[in-house]
N, C-alpha and C. Protein backbone atom coordinates (compact mmCIF):
# COMPACT_ATOMS: atom_id res chain seq x y z
N MET A 1 74.77 -9.24 -79.39
CA MET A 1 75.50 -9.50 -77.52
C MET A 1 75.64 -8.38 -77.63
N ILE A 2 75.15 -7.91 -75.72
CA ILE A 2 75.21 -6.94 -75.59
C ILE A 2 75.34 -6.57 -73.92
N LYS A 3 76.97 -6.39 -73.78
CA LYS A 3 77.67 -6.85 -72.44
C LYS A 3 76.47 -5.59 -71.57
N TRP A 4 76.84 -5.79 -69.86
CA TRP A 4 75.79 -4.63 -69.56
C TRP A 4 76.62 -5.49 -68.06
N VAL A 5 76.88 -4.53 -66.86
CA VAL A 5 77.33 -4.72 -66.35
C VAL A 5 76.19 -5.77 -64.81
N SER A 6 75.26 -5.47 -65.10
CA SER A 6 74.40 -5.61 -64.14
C SER A 6 73.09 -5.34 -64.80
N GLY A 7 71.74 -6.51 -64.23
CA GLY A 7 70.60 -5.59 -64.76
C GLY A 7 70.03 -4.67 -64.06
N ASN A 8 69.55 -3.18 -65.11
CA ASN A 8 68.83 -2.32 -65.00
C ASN A 8 68.24 -1.85 -65.83
N THR A 9 67.77 -0.83 -65.76
CA THR A 9 66.55 0.12 -66.56
C THR A 9 67.39 0.52 -68.12
N ASP A 10 68.50 0.70 -67.81
CA ASP A 10 69.64 1.65 -68.64
C ASP A 10 70.05 0.34 -69.58
N GLY A 11 70.18 -0.43 -69.34
CA GLY A 11 70.86 -1.85 -70.16
C GLY A 11 69.04 -2.56 -70.87
N PHE A 12 68.19 -2.50 -70.09
CA PHE A 12 67.24 -3.14 -71.31
C PHE A 12 66.54 -1.94 -72.16
N LEU A 13 66.54 -0.56 -71.85
CA LEU A 13 66.26 -0.38 -73.07
C LEU A 13 67.03 -0.03 -74.21
N LYS A 14 68.59 0.00 -73.63
CA LYS A 14 69.50 -0.01 -75.08
C LYS A 14 69.42 -1.37 -75.48
N ILE A 15 68.98 -2.66 -74.97
CA ILE A 15 68.35 -3.84 -75.74
C ILE A 15 67.37 -3.68 -76.61
N LEU A 16 66.22 -2.90 -76.25
CA LEU A 16 65.24 -2.71 -76.77
C LEU A 16 65.36 -1.64 -77.96
N ARG A 17 66.08 -1.10 -77.65
CA ARG A 17 66.43 -0.42 -78.68
C ARG A 17 67.74 -0.99 -80.29
N LYS A 18 68.32 -1.99 -79.81
CA LYS A 18 68.79 -2.77 -80.67
C LYS A 18 68.09 -3.73 -81.50
N ILE A 19 66.96 -4.69 -80.34
CA ILE A 19 65.87 -5.05 -80.78
C ILE A 19 64.89 -4.18 -82.09
N LEU A 20 64.67 -3.28 -81.69
CA LEU A 20 64.24 -2.57 -82.64
C LEU A 20 64.54 -1.96 -83.95
N VAL A 21 65.87 -1.87 -83.89
CA VAL A 21 66.76 -1.72 -85.05
C VAL A 21 66.78 -2.86 -85.62
N ARG A 22 66.87 -4.05 -85.31
CA ARG A 22 66.81 -5.31 -85.99
C ARG A 22 65.71 -5.92 -86.40
N PHE A 23 64.53 -5.67 -86.14
CA PHE A 23 63.49 -5.87 -86.85
C PHE A 23 62.40 -4.80 -86.96
N LYS A 24 63.33 -4.02 -87.40
CA LYS A 24 62.60 -3.00 -88.20
C LYS A 24 61.18 -2.74 -88.47
N GLY A 25 60.45 -1.98 -88.64
CA GLY A 25 59.03 -2.13 -89.60
C GLY A 25 58.33 -3.30 -89.08
N LYS A 26 58.43 -4.42 -87.96
CA LYS A 26 58.09 -5.66 -88.19
C LYS A 26 57.16 -5.45 -86.70
N VAL A 27 56.08 -6.34 -85.85
CA VAL A 27 55.36 -6.52 -84.61
C VAL A 27 56.12 -7.33 -84.05
N ILE A 28 56.77 -6.93 -83.04
CA ILE A 28 57.84 -7.48 -82.04
C ILE A 28 56.82 -7.92 -80.66
N ASP A 29 56.82 -8.89 -80.32
CA ASP A 29 56.51 -9.18 -79.09
C ASP A 29 56.98 -10.04 -78.41
N LEU A 30 57.46 -9.26 -77.05
CA LEU A 30 58.70 -9.66 -76.30
C LEU A 30 58.35 -10.24 -74.69
N TRP A 31 58.29 -11.51 -74.64
CA TRP A 31 57.91 -11.69 -73.25
C TRP A 31 59.30 -11.91 -72.58
N VAL A 32 58.94 -11.30 -71.02
CA VAL A 32 60.39 -11.09 -69.87
C VAL A 32 59.51 -11.44 -68.82
N ASP A 33 60.65 -11.43 -68.18
CA ASP A 33 60.44 -11.82 -66.67
C ASP A 33 60.50 -10.41 -65.97
N ASN A 34 59.41 -11.29 -64.75
CA ASN A 34 59.15 -9.70 -63.80
C ASN A 34 60.35 -8.72 -63.39
N ALA A 35 61.55 -8.98 -63.53
CA ALA A 35 62.32 -8.14 -62.95
C ALA A 35 62.43 -6.70 -62.81
N SER A 36 62.65 -5.99 -61.93
CA SER A 36 61.80 -4.40 -62.04
C SER A 36 62.83 -3.66 -63.05
N TRP A 37 63.74 -3.83 -63.62
CA TRP A 37 64.24 -3.47 -64.46
C TRP A 37 63.35 -3.37 -65.70
N HIS A 38 62.41 -4.59 -66.06
CA HIS A 38 61.31 -4.93 -66.89
C HIS A 38 59.82 -4.17 -67.23
N LYS A 39 60.22 -3.29 -65.98
CA LYS A 39 59.07 -2.18 -65.78
C LYS A 39 59.18 -0.77 -65.10
N GLY A 40 58.63 0.04 -64.69
CA GLY A 40 58.80 1.09 -64.66
C GLY A 40 58.40 1.96 -65.40
N ARG A 41 58.46 3.51 -64.37
CA ARG A 41 57.86 4.28 -65.75
C ARG A 41 59.07 4.46 -67.26
N ARG A 42 59.61 4.75 -67.11
CA ARG A 42 60.89 4.79 -68.35
C ARG A 42 60.70 3.94 -68.84
N VAL A 43 60.66 2.48 -68.65
CA VAL A 43 60.02 1.50 -69.75
C VAL A 43 58.48 1.33 -70.30
N ARG A 44 57.81 1.67 -69.39
CA ARG A 44 56.19 2.13 -69.75
C ARG A 44 56.38 3.34 -71.01
N GLU A 45 56.80 4.09 -70.71
CA GLU A 45 56.83 4.95 -71.63
C GLU A 45 57.58 5.04 -72.75
N PHE A 46 58.36 3.89 -72.91
CA PHE A 46 59.76 3.84 -74.13
C PHE A 46 58.37 2.99 -74.87
N ILE A 47 57.63 1.83 -74.32
CA ILE A 47 56.76 1.36 -74.92
C ILE A 47 55.79 2.20 -75.61
N THR A 48 55.24 3.13 -74.85
CA THR A 48 54.06 3.49 -75.38
C THR A 48 54.24 4.30 -76.77
N GLU A 49 55.59 5.20 -76.66
CA GLU A 49 55.61 5.81 -77.53
C GLU A 49 56.78 5.46 -78.85
N THR A 50 56.73 3.80 -78.80
CA THR A 50 57.38 2.67 -79.79
C THR A 50 56.19 1.98 -80.26
N GLU A 51 56.24 2.05 -81.80
CA GLU A 51 54.90 1.62 -82.53
C GLU A 51 55.73 0.25 -82.84
N GLY A 52 54.57 -1.01 -82.57
CA GLY A 52 54.91 -2.72 -82.72
C GLY A 52 55.92 -2.94 -82.16
N LEU A 53 55.93 -2.58 -80.71
CA LEU A 53 56.63 -3.04 -79.48
C LEU A 53 55.87 -3.16 -78.51
N PHE A 54 55.23 -4.85 -77.73
CA PHE A 54 54.86 -5.59 -76.81
C PHE A 54 55.10 -6.18 -76.23
N LEU A 55 55.15 -5.57 -74.63
CA LEU A 55 55.90 -6.41 -73.62
C LEU A 55 54.76 -7.32 -73.04
N HIS A 56 55.39 -8.76 -72.86
CA HIS A 56 54.48 -9.65 -71.82
C HIS A 56 55.24 -9.84 -71.04
N TYR A 57 54.72 -10.21 -70.04
CA TYR A 57 55.19 -10.40 -68.69
C TYR A 57 54.98 -11.77 -68.41
N LEU A 58 56.30 -12.83 -67.92
CA LEU A 58 56.23 -14.54 -67.67
C LEU A 58 55.45 -13.94 -66.16
N PRO A 59 54.44 -15.36 -65.78
CA PRO A 59 54.05 -15.65 -64.49
C PRO A 59 54.89 -15.05 -63.85
N PRO A 60 55.00 -15.31 -62.32
CA PRO A 60 56.05 -14.93 -60.89
C PRO A 60 56.41 -16.19 -61.19
N TYR A 61 57.57 -16.83 -60.53
CA TYR A 61 58.14 -18.06 -60.06
C TYR A 61 57.54 -19.12 -61.10
N HIS A 62 57.36 -18.85 -62.24
CA HIS A 62 57.66 -20.25 -63.70
C HIS A 62 58.47 -19.95 -64.49
N PRO A 63 60.07 -20.45 -63.93
CA PRO A 63 61.08 -20.50 -64.86
C PRO A 63 60.82 -21.97 -65.72
N GLU A 64 60.25 -22.57 -65.72
CA GLU A 64 59.89 -23.76 -66.50
C GLU A 64 59.35 -22.83 -67.71
N LEU A 65 58.60 -21.86 -68.37
CA LEU A 65 57.70 -20.88 -68.97
C LEU A 65 58.79 -20.55 -69.77
N ASN A 66 60.06 -19.95 -68.96
CA ASN A 66 61.12 -19.07 -69.76
C ASN A 66 61.54 -20.27 -70.04
N MET A 67 62.35 -19.98 -71.64
CA MET A 67 62.52 -20.63 -72.17
C MET A 67 64.06 -20.66 -72.64
N GLN A 68 64.71 -19.37 -72.15
CA GLN A 68 65.75 -19.12 -71.84
C GLN A 68 66.67 -20.04 -70.97
N GLU A 69 65.94 -19.95 -69.39
CA GLU A 69 66.27 -20.38 -68.45
C GLU A 69 66.37 -22.06 -69.47
N ARG A 70 66.17 -22.87 -70.13
CA ARG A 70 66.75 -23.94 -70.26
C ARG A 70 67.86 -23.95 -70.87
N LEU A 71 67.86 -22.63 -71.86
CA LEU A 71 69.14 -23.01 -73.06
C LEU A 71 70.32 -22.48 -71.75
N TRP A 72 70.47 -21.85 -71.36
CA TRP A 72 71.10 -21.36 -70.11
C TRP A 72 71.77 -22.59 -68.96
N LYS A 73 70.79 -23.50 -68.45
CA LYS A 73 71.06 -24.52 -67.78
C LYS A 73 72.08 -25.47 -69.10
N ARG A 74 71.54 -25.75 -69.96
CA ARG A 74 71.96 -26.27 -70.27
C ARG A 74 73.52 -26.11 -70.71
N VAL A 75 73.87 -24.73 -71.05
CA VAL A 75 75.33 -24.15 -71.69
C VAL A 75 75.83 -24.28 -70.17
N ARG A 76 75.16 -24.04 -69.44
CA ARG A 76 75.91 -24.11 -68.04
C ARG A 76 76.81 -25.28 -67.72
N TYR A 77 75.63 -26.37 -67.69
CA TYR A 77 76.08 -28.05 -67.76
C TYR A 77 77.54 -28.29 -69.24
N GLU A 78 77.62 -28.00 -70.04
CA GLU A 78 78.39 -28.41 -70.80
C GLU A 78 79.09 -27.40 -70.87
N GLU A 79 79.73 -25.90 -70.10
CA GLU A 79 80.45 -25.57 -70.90
C GLU A 79 81.46 -25.00 -69.34
N THR A 80 80.73 -24.60 -68.38
CA THR A 80 81.07 -24.14 -66.55
C THR A 80 81.68 -25.51 -66.14
N ASN A 81 80.60 -26.34 -66.15
CA ASN A 81 80.95 -27.63 -65.17
C ASN A 81 82.32 -28.08 -65.19
N ASN A 82 82.96 -27.86 -64.20
CA ASN A 82 84.19 -28.51 -64.09
C ASN A 82 85.51 -27.85 -64.91
N ALA A 83 84.87 -26.22 -64.90
CA ALA A 83 85.68 -25.45 -65.74
C ALA A 83 86.22 -24.48 -64.49
N TYR A 84 87.66 -23.74 -65.33
CA TYR A 84 87.96 -21.92 -64.69
C TYR A 84 87.94 -21.67 -65.67
N TYR A 85 87.88 -19.90 -65.23
CA TYR A 85 87.68 -19.16 -66.39
C TYR A 85 88.63 -17.87 -65.51
N ALA A 86 89.87 -17.88 -65.74
CA ALA A 86 90.49 -16.45 -65.13
C ALA A 86 89.55 -15.02 -65.23
N THR A 87 88.95 -14.77 -66.46
CA THR A 87 88.24 -13.41 -66.34
C THR A 87 86.67 -13.82 -66.72
N LEU A 88 86.06 -12.66 -66.62
CA LEU A 88 85.06 -13.13 -67.13
C LEU A 88 84.94 -12.88 -69.02
N ASP A 89 85.80 -12.01 -69.52
CA ASP A 89 86.00 -12.51 -71.04
C ASP A 89 86.19 -13.68 -71.19
N ASP A 90 86.78 -14.26 -70.83
CA ASP A 90 87.29 -15.97 -70.74
C ASP A 90 85.82 -16.84 -70.71
N LEU A 91 84.96 -16.68 -69.78
CA LEU A 91 83.88 -17.15 -69.77
C LEU A 91 83.13 -17.04 -70.68
N GLU A 92 83.10 -15.37 -70.67
CA GLU A 92 81.83 -15.12 -71.81
C GLU A 92 82.52 -15.93 -72.96
N ALA A 93 84.07 -15.88 -73.68
CA ALA A 93 84.08 -16.68 -74.96
C ALA A 93 83.48 -18.15 -74.86
N GLY A 94 83.65 -18.43 -73.77
CA GLY A 94 83.54 -19.86 -73.58
C GLY A 94 81.93 -20.48 -73.80
N VAL A 95 81.15 -19.76 -73.01
CA VAL A 95 79.46 -19.47 -73.09
C VAL A 95 79.23 -18.95 -74.64
N MET A 96 79.85 -18.44 -75.41
CA MET A 96 79.22 -18.07 -76.44
C MET A 96 79.77 -19.34 -77.21
N ALA A 97 80.93 -19.57 -77.19
CA ALA A 97 81.52 -21.01 -78.36
C ALA A 97 80.83 -22.43 -78.24
N ALA A 98 80.41 -22.11 -77.00
CA ALA A 98 79.71 -23.58 -76.70
C ALA A 98 78.59 -23.29 -77.37
N SER A 99 77.39 -22.40 -77.26
CA SER A 99 76.55 -21.89 -77.97
C SER A 99 76.42 -21.99 -79.48
N ARG A 100 77.81 -21.13 -80.31
CA ARG A 100 77.47 -21.87 -81.91
C ARG A 100 77.42 -22.57 -81.98
N ARG A 101 78.10 -23.75 -81.71
CA ARG A 101 77.73 -25.30 -81.20
C ARG A 101 77.35 -25.72 -81.89
N TRP A 102 75.70 -25.74 -81.25
CA TRP A 102 74.84 -26.03 -81.41
C TRP A 102 74.04 -26.02 -82.39
N LYS A 103 73.20 -26.97 -82.97
CA LYS A 103 72.63 -27.39 -84.30
C LYS A 103 71.54 -26.83 -83.99
N PRO A 104 70.70 -25.90 -84.76
CA PRO A 104 69.51 -25.48 -84.42
C PRO A 104 68.01 -26.39 -84.13
N LEU A 105 68.41 -28.06 -84.21
CA LEU A 105 67.56 -29.12 -83.55
C LEU A 105 67.89 -28.78 -82.69
N LYS A 106 68.62 -28.56 -81.78
CA LYS A 106 68.95 -28.97 -80.28
C LYS A 106 68.34 -27.76 -80.02
N VAL A 107 67.96 -26.23 -80.55
CA VAL A 107 67.81 -24.98 -79.60
C VAL A 107 66.08 -25.37 -79.60
N ARG A 108 65.97 -26.13 -80.64
CA ARG A 108 64.34 -26.35 -80.92
C ARG A 108 63.82 -27.78 -79.70
N ARG A 109 65.39 -28.75 -79.81
CA ARG A 109 64.42 -29.70 -78.62
C ARG A 109 64.79 -29.08 -77.26
N LEU A 110 65.46 -28.27 -76.90
CA LEU A 110 65.63 -27.39 -75.41
C LEU A 110 64.34 -26.32 -75.45
N CYS A 111 63.74 -26.29 -76.26
CA CYS A 111 63.15 -24.84 -75.94
C CYS A 111 61.94 -25.66 -76.40
N LEU A 112 61.44 -27.06 -76.22
CA LEU A 112 60.32 -27.89 -76.72
C LEU A 112 59.39 -27.33 -77.71
N LEU A 113 60.07 -27.32 -78.52
CA LEU A 113 59.01 -26.70 -80.29
C LEU A 113 59.42 -28.29 -81.10
N THR A 114 59.84 -28.95 -80.86
CA THR A 114 59.93 -30.18 -81.49
C THR A 114 59.58 -31.31 -80.58
């Protein structure tokens, strides 16, 4: 997990670098939404200079195609409904604990893969 204050190009490029290290030597097709920090000159230059990494953009206004939205909706329902977190770190710990309790089959079902 990478913690970043808000969505921006610097954070996105940091995530891309981590993905490249984690999946070194593999071809990576990454689907992202149309956030401004997923595009732009710096991102295009990074992708051009990087072998085996391909960005694809989801159509605008289609969160149902973005499976992470389904996962986030479920974890919010299970972990944050009627809950109070004193700090952002407490919230992060709760969300991460909830997602770690999930079995692979549950994730596949939420992502409509089974």
